[in-house]
Amino acid sequence: MSTALTHAELASLIRTRAGITVDALDMESRPDVTFEEYGIDSLGLLGIVGELENRHSTRISSGAELSKTPAEFIDVVNASLTAKAGA
């Protein structure tokens, strides 16, 4: 089983942690759309980071909550998860 964060999982986390419904396919097909355009702020992302840290029992790179786009956020999170897996 892969531990990599997917667009579908991120969309689910955004819905539960930030209270905003975002289509996973839209995020994936439009990688340059910002969190701000979706109505998601850094506080919402901070909640998502906390949830991911709890789920994976690892620290997500500092600054992940400052990511501008879902693609950037996914890259930062997956780099953290890959580093943990390689440790």
PDB file of N, CA and C in Angstrom:
ATOM      1  N   MET A   1       0.825  -1.180   0.000  1.00  0.00           N
ATOM      2  CA  MET A   1       0.000   0.000   0.000  1.00  0.00           C
ATOM      3  C   MET A   1       0.874   1.250   0.000  1.00  0.00           C
ATOM      4  N   SER A   2       0.554   2.170  -0.880  1.00  0.00           N
ATOM      5  CA  SER A   2       1.308   3.406  -0.984  1.00  0.00           C
ATOM      6  C   SER A   2       0.876   4.380   0.107  1.00  0.00           C
ATOM      7  N   THR A   3       1.839   5.101   0.645  1.00  0.00           N
ATOM      8  CA  THR A   3       1.509   6.113   1.643  1.00  0.00           C
ATOM      9  C   THR A   3       1.491   7.499   1.019  1.00  0.00           C
ATOM     10  N   ALA A   4       1.719   7.590  -0.288  1.00  0.00           N
ATOM     11  CA  ALA A   4       1.759   8.885  -0.959  1.00  0.00           C
ATOM     12  C   ALA A   4       0.395   9.567  -0.907  1.00  0.00           C
ATOM     13  N   LEU A   5       0.420  10.865  -0.679  1.00  0.00           N
ATOM     14  CA  LEU A   5      -0.799  11.664  -0.687  1.00  0.00           C
ATOM     15  C   LEU A   5      -1.272  11.828  -2.125  1.00  0.00           C
ATOM     16  N   THR A   6      -2.538  11.560  -2.348  1.00  0.00           N
ATOM     17  CA  THR A   6      -3.136  11.698  -3.678  1.00  0.00           C
ATOM     18  C   THR A   6      -4.058  12.916  -3.702  1.00  0.00           C
ATOM     19  N   HIS A   7      -4.447  13.311  -4.895  1.00  0.00           N
ATOM     20  CA  HIS A   7      -5.401  14.414  -5.027  1.00  0.00           C
ATOM     21  C   HIS A   7      -6.730  14.054  -4.377  1.00  0.00           C
ATOM     22  N   ALA A   8      -7.139  12.805  -4.510  1.00  0.00           N
ATOM     23  CA  ALA A   8      -8.409  12.371  -3.910  1.00  0.00           C
ATOM     24  C   ALA A   8      -8.354  12.466  -2.390  1.00  0.00           C
ATOM     25  N   GLU A   9      -7.240  12.027  -1.798  1.00  0.00           N
ATOM     26  CA  GLU A   9      -7.105  12.107  -0.346  1.00  0.00           C
ATOM     27  C   GLU A   9      -7.035  13.563   0.108  1.00  0.00           C
ATOM     28  N   LEU A  10      -6.319  14.398  -0.649  1.00  0.00           N
ATOM     29  CA  LEU A  10      -6.240  15.814  -0.303  1.00  0.00           C
ATOM     30  C   LEU A  10      -7.619  16.460  -0.379  1.00  0.00           C
ATOM     31  N   ALA A  11      -8.389  16.156  -1.400  1.00  0.00           N
ATOM     32  CA  ALA A  11      -9.737  16.709  -1.526  1.00  0.00           C
ATOM     33  C   ALA A  11     -10.601  16.310  -0.329  1.00  0.00           C
ATOM     34  N   SER A  12     -10.471  15.068   0.106  1.00  0.00           N
ATOM     35  CA  SER A  12     -11.209  14.596   1.269  1.00  0.00           C
ATOM     36  C   SER A  12     -10.774  15.337   2.538  1.00  0.00           C
ATOM     37  N   LEU A  13      -9.482  15.533   2.703  1.00  0.00           N
ATOM     38  CA  LEU A  13      -8.955  16.251   3.861  1.00  0.00           C
ATOM     39  C   LEU A  13      -9.400  17.719   3.855  1.00  0.00           C
ATOM     40  N   ILE A  14      -9.431  18.324   2.680  1.00  0.00           N
ATOM     41  CA  ILE A  14      -9.885  19.712   2.573  1.00  0.00           C
ATOM     42  C   ILE A  14     -11.348  19.805   3.013  1.00  0.00           C
ATOM     43  N   ARG A  15     -12.133  18.853   2.598  1.00  0.00           N
ATOM     44  CA  ARG A  15     -13.557  18.848   2.963  1.00  0.00           C
ATOM     45  C   ARG A  15     -13.729  18.686   4.474  1.00  0.00           C
ATOM     46  N   THR A  16     -12.997  17.748   5.079  1.00  0.00           N
ATOM     47  CA  THR A  16     -13.186  17.482   6.506  1.00  0.00           C
ATOM     48  C   THR A  16     -12.480  18.492   7.403  1.00  0.00           C
ATOM     49  N   ARG A  17     -11.328  18.985   6.994  1.00  0.00           N
ATOM     50  CA  ARG A  17     -10.539  19.875   7.852  1.00  0.00           C
ATOM     51  C   ARG A  17     -10.779  21.359   7.587  1.00  0.00           C
ATOM     52  N   ALA A  18     -11.083  21.723   6.330  1.00  0.00           N
ATOM     53  CA  ALA A  18     -11.288  23.139   6.004  1.00  0.00           C
ATOM     54  C   ALA A  18     -12.749  23.446   5.690  1.00  0.00           C
ATOM     55  N   GLY A  19     -13.564  22.402   5.552  1.00  0.00           N
ATOM     56  CA  GLY A  19     -14.979  22.608   5.293  1.00  0.00           C
ATOM     57  C   GLY A  19     -15.305  23.091   3.894  1.00  0.00           C
ATOM     58  N   ILE A  20     -14.412  22.845   2.954  1.00  0.00           N
ATOM     59  CA  ILE A  20     -14.599  23.296   1.575  1.00  0.00           C
ATOM     60  C   ILE A  20     -14.551  22.076   0.656  1.00  0.00           C
ATOM     61  N   THR A  21     -15.519  21.999  -0.241  1.00  0.00           N
ATOM     62  CA  THR A  21     -15.542  20.887  -1.193  1.00  0.00           C
ATOM     63  C   THR A  21     -14.776  21.281  -2.447  1.00  0.00           C
ATOM     64  N   VAL A  22     -13.767  20.486  -2.757  1.00  0.00           N
ATOM     65  CA  VAL A  22     -12.936  20.687  -3.937  1.00  0.00           C
ATOM     66  C   VAL A  22     -12.912  19.374  -4.701  1.00  0.00           C
ATOM     67  N   ASP A  23     -13.074  19.451  -6.014  1.00  0.00           N
ATOM     68  CA  ASP A  23     -13.055  18.259  -6.846  1.00  0.00           C
ATOM     69  C   ASP A  23     -11.608  17.809  -7.083  1.00  0.00           C
ATOM     70  N   ALA A  24     -11.323  16.560  -6.754  1.00  0.00           N
ATOM     71  CA  ALA A  24      -9.961  16.032  -6.895  1.00  0.00           C
ATOM     72  C   ALA A  24      -9.484  16.066  -8.343  1.00  0.00           C
ATOM     73  N   LEU A  25     -10.372  15.740  -9.274  1.00  0.00           N
ATOM     74  CA  LEU A  25      -9.987  15.752 -10.687  1.00  0.00           C
ATOM     75  C   LEU A  25      -9.685  17.161 -11.165  1.00  0.00           C
ATOM     76  N   ASP A  26     -10.413  18.140 -10.643  1.00  0.00           N
ATOM     77  CA  ASP A  26     -10.144  19.534 -10.994  1.00  0.00           C
ATOM     78  C   ASP A  26      -8.765  19.949 -10.495  1.00  0.00           C
ATOM     79  N   MET A  27      -8.449  19.577  -9.256  1.00  0.00           N
ATOM     80  CA  MET A  27      -7.119  19.903  -8.715  1.00  0.00           C
ATOM     81  C   MET A  27      -6.022  19.266  -9.551  1.00  0.00           C
ATOM     82  N   GLU A  28      -6.247  18.036  -9.942  1.00  0.00           N
ATOM     83  CA  GLU A  28      -5.223  17.311 -10.695  1.00  0.00           C
ATOM     84  C   GLU A  28      -5.060  17.863 -12.111  1.00  0.00           C
ATOM     85  N   SER A  29      -6.162  18.242 -12.740  1.00  0.00           N
ATOM     86  CA  SER A  29      -6.094  18.702 -14.124  1.00  0.00           C
ATOM     87  C   SER A  29      -5.694  20.170 -14.248  1.00  0.00           C
ATOM     88  N   ARG A  30      -5.781  20.910 -13.141  1.00  0.00           N
ATOM     89  CA  ARG A  30      -5.400  22.323 -13.160  1.00  0.00           C
ATOM     90  C   ARG A  30      -4.391  22.591 -12.039  1.00  0.00           C
ATOM     91  N   PRO A  31      -3.152  22.129 -12.213  1.00  0.00           N
ATOM     92  CA  PRO A  31      -2.166  22.190 -11.131  1.00  0.00           C
ATOM     93  C   PRO A  31      -1.747  23.593 -10.718  1.00  0.00           C
ATOM     94  N   ASP A  32      -2.032  24.597 -11.532  1.00  0.00           N
ATOM     95  CA  ASP A  32      -1.613  25.961 -11.194  1.00  0.00           C
ATOM     96  C   ASP A  32      -2.662  26.739 -10.403  1.00  0.00           C
ATOM     97  N   VAL A  33      -3.850  26.158 -10.194  1.00  0.00           N
ATOM     98  CA  VAL A  33      -4.873  26.838  -9.401  1.00  0.00           C
ATOM     99  C   VAL A  33      -4.418  26.852  -7.948  1.00  0.00           C
ATOM    100  N   THR A  34      -4.514  28.010  -7.320  1.00  0.00           N
ATOM    101  CA  THR A  34      -4.015  28.157  -5.954  1.00  0.00           C
ATOM    102  C   THR A  34      -5.059  27.764  -4.924  1.00  0.00           C
ATOM    103  N   PHE A  35      -4.569  27.481  -3.729  1.00  0.00           N
ATOM    104  CA  PHE A  35      -5.475  27.217  -2.612  1.00  0.00           C
ATOM    105  C   PHE A  35      -6.371  28.436  -2.378  1.00  0.00           C
ATOM    106  N   GLU A  36      -5.812  29.612  -2.538  1.00  0.00           N
ATOM    107  CA  GLU A  36      -6.590  30.839  -2.343  1.00  0.00           C
ATOM    108  C   GLU A  36      -7.787  30.876  -3.291  1.00  0.00           C
ATOM    109  N   GLU A  37      -7.592  30.455  -4.528  1.00  0.00           N
ATOM    110  CA  GLU A  37      -8.689  30.428  -5.494  1.00  0.00           C
ATOM    111  C   GLU A  37      -9.769  29.429  -5.073  1.00  0.00           C
ATOM    112  N   TYR A  38      -9.379  28.380  -4.378  1.00  0.00           N
ATOM    113  CA  TYR A  38     -10.347  27.411  -3.872  1.00  0.00           C
ATOM    114  C   TYR A  38     -10.991  27.884  -2.558  1.00  0.00           C
ATOM    115  N   GLY A  39     -10.448  28.954  -1.965  1.00  0.00           N
ATOM    116  CA  GLY A  39     -10.981  29.467  -0.713  1.00  0.00           C
ATOM    117  C   GLY A  39     -10.359  28.838   0.523  1.00  0.00           C
ATOM    118  N   ILE A  40      -9.172  28.276   0.355  1.00  0.00           N
ATOM    119  CA  ILE A  40      -8.490  27.589   1.455  1.00  0.00           C
ATOM    120  C   ILE A  40      -7.312  28.435   1.923  1.00  0.00           C
ATOM    121  N   ASP A  41      -7.267  28.721   3.219  1.00  0.00           N
ATOM    122  CA  ASP A  41      -6.189  29.537   3.760  1.00  0.00           C
ATOM    123  C   ASP A  41      -5.152  28.671   4.471  1.00  0.00           C
ATOM    124  N   SER A  42      -4.111  29.317   4.968  1.00  0.00           N
ATOM    125  CA  SER A  42      -3.022  28.578   5.618  1.00  0.00           C
ATOM    126  C   SER A  42      -3.487  27.882   6.890  1.00  0.00           C
ATOM    127  N   LEU A  43      -4.489  28.429   7.555  1.00  0.00           N
ATOM    128  CA  LEU A  43      -5.019  27.772   8.752  1.00  0.00           C
ATOM    129  C   LEU A  43      -5.680  26.440   8.390  1.00  0.00           C
ATOM    130  N   GLY A  44      -6.417  26.429   7.284  1.00  0.00           N
ATOM    131  CA  GLY A  44      -7.008  25.177   6.807  1.00  0.00           C
ATOM    132  C   GLY A  44      -5.934  24.163   6.456  1.00  0.00           C
ATOM    133  N   LEU A  45      -4.881  24.632   5.812  1.00  0.00           N
ATOM    134  CA  LEU A  45      -3.775  23.732   5.453  1.00  0.00           C
ATOM    135  C   LEU A  45      -3.050  23.228   6.692  1.00  0.00           C
ATOM    136  N   LEU A  46      -2.958  24.070   7.706  1.00  0.00           N
ATOM    137  CA  LEU A  46      -2.315  23.646   8.948  1.00  0.00           C
ATOM    138  C   LEU A  46      -3.085  22.487   9.576  1.00  0.00           C
ATOM    139  N   GLY A  47      -4.406  22.550   9.529  1.00  0.00           N
ATOM    140  CA  GLY A  47      -5.227  21.446  10.033  1.00  0.00           C
ATOM    141  C   GLY A  47      -5.003  20.171   9.241  1.00  0.00           C
ATOM    142  N   ILE A  48      -4.839  20.310   7.937  1.00  0.00           N
ATOM    143  CA  ILE A  48      -4.586  19.148   7.075  1.00  0.00           C
ATOM    144  C   ILE A  48      -3.213  18.556   7.390  1.00  0.00           C
ATOM    145  N   VAL A  49      -2.224  19.419   7.581  1.00  0.00           N
ATOM    146  CA  VAL A  49      -0.883  18.947   7.934  1.00  0.00           C
ATOM    147  C   VAL A  49      -0.940  18.166   9.245  1.00  0.00           C
ATOM    148  N   GLY A  50      -1.633  18.705  10.235  1.00  0.00           N
ATOM    149  CA  GLY A  50      -1.756  18.010  11.519  1.00  0.00           C
ATOM    150  C   GLY A  50      -2.398  16.646  11.376  1.00  0.00           C
ATOM    151  N   GLU A  51      -3.440  16.567  10.578  1.00  0.00           N
ATOM    152  CA  GLU A  51      -4.105  15.275  10.343  1.00  0.00           C
ATOM    153  C   GLU A  51      -3.156  14.289   9.673  1.00  0.00           C
ATOM    154  N   LEU A  52      -2.413  14.753   8.673  1.00  0.00           N
ATOM    155  CA  LEU A  52      -1.463  13.869   7.985  1.00  0.00           C
ATOM    156  C   LEU A  52      -0.352  13.411   8.931  1.00  0.00           C
ATOM    157  N   GLU A  53       0.124  14.302   9.777  1.00  0.00           N
ATOM    158  CA  GLU A  53       1.157  13.913  10.739  1.00  0.00           C
ATOM    159  C   GLU A  53       0.634  12.845  11.687  1.00  0.00           C
ATOM    160  N   ASN A  54      -0.600  12.969  12.115  1.00  0.00           N
ATOM    161  CA  ASN A  54      -1.200  11.952  12.984  1.00  0.00           C
ATOM    162  C   ASN A  54      -1.384  10.629  12.254  1.00  0.00           C
ATOM    163  N   ARG A  55      -1.881  10.677  11.037  1.00  0.00           N
ATOM    164  CA  ARG A  55      -2.118   9.448  10.260  1.00  0.00           C
ATOM    165  C   ARG A  55      -0.849   8.670   9.980  1.00  0.00           C
ATOM    166  N   HIS A  56       0.214   9.408   9.666  1.00  0.00           N
ATOM    167  CA  HIS A  56       1.450   8.755   9.227  1.00  0.00           C
ATOM    168  C   HIS A  56       2.529   8.716  10.303  1.00  0.00           C
ATOM    169  N   SER A  57       2.220   9.234  11.478  1.00  0.00           N
ATOM    170  CA  SER A  57       3.168   9.254  12.593  1.00  0.00           C
ATOM    171  C   SER A  57       4.534   9.805  12.176  1.00  0.00           C
ATOM    172  N   THR A  58       4.483  10.916  11.476  1.00  0.00           N
ATOM    173  CA  THR A  58       5.716  11.572  11.049  1.00  0.00           C
ATOM    174  C   THR A  58       5.490  13.064  10.943  1.00  0.00           C
ATOM    175  N   ARG A  59       6.569  13.790  11.017  1.00  0.00           N
ATOM    176  CA  ARG A  59       6.495  15.249  10.865  1.00  0.00           C
ATOM    177  C   ARG A  59       6.532  15.587   9.386  1.00  0.00           C
ATOM    178  N   ILE A  60       5.605  16.455   8.972  1.00  0.00           N
ATOM    179  CA  ILE A  60       5.586  16.952   7.598  1.00  0.00           C
ATOM    180  C   ILE A  60       6.477  18.190   7.566  1.00  0.00           C
ATOM    181  N   SER A  61       7.208  18.343   6.483  1.00  0.00           N
ATOM    182  CA  SER A  61       8.149  19.460   6.354  1.00  0.00           C
ATOM    183  C   SER A  61       7.540  20.782   6.787  1.00  0.00           C
ATOM    184  N   SER A  62       8.307  21.516   7.557  1.00  0.00           N
ATOM    185  CA  SER A  62       7.894  22.842   7.996  1.00  0.00           C
ATOM    186  C   SER A  62       7.621  23.710   6.768  1.00  0.00           C
ATOM    187  N   GLY A  63       6.533  24.433   6.821  1.00  0.00           N
ATOM    188  CA  GLY A  63       6.182  25.307   5.708  1.00  0.00           C
ATOM    189  C   GLY A  63       5.199  24.697   4.728  1.00  0.00           C
ATOM    190  N   ALA A  64       4.816  23.444   4.919  1.00  0.00           N
ATOM    191  CA  ALA A  64       3.863  22.817   4.002  1.00  0.00           C
ATOM    192  C   ALA A  64       2.566  23.611   3.959  1.00  0.00           C
ATOM    193  N   GLU A  65       2.182  24.186   5.096  1.00  0.00           N
ATOM    194  CA  GLU A  65       0.939  24.955   5.160  1.00  0.00           C
ATOM    195  C   GLU A  65       1.021  26.273   4.392  1.00  0.00           C
ATOM    196  N   LEU A  66       2.217  26.630   3.939  1.00  0.00           N
ATOM    197  CA  LEU A  66       2.400  27.842   3.147  1.00  0.00           C
ATOM    198  C   LEU A  66       2.414  27.560   1.646  1.00  0.00           C
ATOM    199  N   SER A  67       2.199  26.312   1.263  1.00  0.00           N
ATOM    200  CA  SER A  67       2.160  25.945  -0.151  1.00  0.00           C
ATOM    201  C   SER A  67       1.090  26.760  -0.861  1.00  0.00           C
ATOM    202  N   LYS A  68       1.377  27.161  -2.065  1.00  0.00           N
ATOM    203  CA  LYS A  68       0.441  27.979  -2.836  1.00  0.00           C
ATOM    204  C   LYS A  68      -0.573  27.151  -3.625  1.00  0.00           C
ATOM    205  N   THR A  69      -0.165  25.971  -4.063  1.00  0.00           N
ATOM    206  CA  THR A  69      -1.055  25.148  -4.893  1.00  0.00           C
ATOM    207  C   THR A  69      -1.156  23.735  -4.316  1.00  0.00           C
ATOM    208  N   PRO A  70      -2.220  23.025  -4.657  1.00  0.00           N
ATOM    209  CA  PRO A  70      -2.312  21.632  -4.231  1.00  0.00           C
ATOM    210  C   PRO A  70      -1.130  20.795  -4.726  1.00  0.00           C
ATOM    211  N   ALA A  71      -0.676  21.043  -5.958  1.00  0.00           N
ATOM    212  CA  ALA A  71       0.456  20.276  -6.496  1.00  0.00           C
ATOM    213  C   ALA A  71       1.707  20.486  -5.640  1.00  0.00           C
ATOM    214  N   GLU A  72       1.957  21.724  -5.259  1.00  0.00           N
ATOM    215  CA  GLU A  72       3.112  22.031  -4.405  1.00  0.00           C
ATOM    216  C   GLU A  72       2.962  21.359  -3.038  1.00  0.00           C
ATOM    217  N   PHE A  73       1.770  21.417  -2.466  1.00  0.00           N
ATOM    218  CA  PHE A  73       1.503  20.804  -1.167  1.00  0.00           C
ATOM    219  C   PHE A  73       1.731  19.300  -1.229  1.00  0.00           C
ATOM    220  N   ILE A  74       1.195  18.661  -2.264  1.00  0.00           N
ATOM    221  CA  ILE A  74       1.355  17.214  -2.421  1.00  0.00           C
ATOM    222  C   ILE A  74       2.830  16.855  -2.548  1.00  0.00           C
ATOM    223  N   ASP A  75       3.592  17.638  -3.303  1.00  0.00           N
ATOM    224  CA  ASP A  75       5.026  17.375  -3.452  1.00  0.00           C
ATOM    225  C   ASP A  75       5.752  17.457  -2.109  1.00  0.00           C
ATOM    226  N   VAL A  76       5.446  18.486  -1.315  1.00  0.00           N
ATOM    227  CA  VAL A  76       6.099  18.660  -0.013  1.00  0.00           C
ATOM    228  C   VAL A  76       5.739  17.505   0.926  1.00  0.00           C
ATOM    229  N   VAL A  77       4.452  17.175   0.974  1.00  0.00           N
ATOM    230  CA  VAL A  77       3.997  16.094   1.850  1.00  0.00           C
ATOM    231  C   VAL A  77       4.615  14.768   1.430  1.00  0.00           C
ATOM    232  N   ASN A  78       4.588  14.476   0.152  1.00  0.00           N
ATOM    233  CA  ASN A  78       5.120  13.190  -0.309  1.00  0.00           C
ATOM    234  C   ASN A  78       6.626  13.096  -0.118  1.00  0.00           C
ATOM    235  N   ALA A  79       7.335  14.221  -0.211  1.00  0.00           N
ATOM    236  CA  ALA A  79       8.774  14.208   0.078  1.00  0.00           C
ATOM    237  C   ALA A  79       9.009  13.855   1.548  1.00  0.00           C
ATOM    238  N   SER A  80       8.173  14.387   2.433  1.00  0.00           N
ATOM    239  CA  SER A  80       8.293  14.062   3.858  1.00  0.00           C
ATOM    240  C   SER A  80       7.998  12.593   4.115  1.00  0.00           C
ATOM    241  N   LEU A  81       6.951  12.080   3.461  1.00  0.00           N
ATOM    242  CA  LEU A  81       6.578  10.678   3.657  1.00  0.00           C
ATOM    243  C   LEU A  81       7.624   9.742   3.070  1.00  0.00           C
ATOM    244  N   THR A  82       8.211  10.122   1.943  1.00  0.00           N
ATOM    245  CA  THR A  82       9.265   9.307   1.321  1.00  0.00           C
ATOM    246  C   THR A  82      10.509   9.292   2.198  1.00  0.00           C
ATOM    247  N   ALA A  83      10.849  10.445   2.786  1.00  0.00           N
ATOM    248  CA  ALA A  83      12.006  10.513   3.670  1.00  0.00           C
ATOM    249  C   ALA A  83      11.810   9.607   4.879  1.00  0.00           C
ATOM    250  N   LYS A  84      10.589   9.557   5.400  1.00  0.00           N
ATOM    251  CA  LYS A  84      10.311   8.689   6.543  1.00  0.00           C
ATOM    252  C   LYS A  84      10.455   7.230   6.128  1.00  0.00           C
ATOM    253  N   ALA A  85       9.930   6.885   4.958  1.00  0.00           N
ATOM    254  CA  ALA A  85       9.982   5.502   4.490  1.00  0.00           C
ATOM    255  C   ALA A  85      11.426   5.055   4.244  1.00  0.00           C
ATOM    256  N   GLY A  86      12.281   5.995   3.843  1.00  0.00           N
ATOM    257  CA  GLY A  86      13.669   5.662   3.578  1.00  0.00           C
ATOM    258  C   GLY A  86      14.529   5.653   4.819  1.00  0.00           C
ATOM    259  N   ALA A  87      13.988   6.138   5.910  1.00  0.00           N
ATOM    260  CA  ALA A  87      14.777   6.228   7.148  1.00  0.00           C
ATOM    261  C   ALA A  87      14.950   4.883   7.814  1.00  0.00           C
TER     262      ALA A  87
END
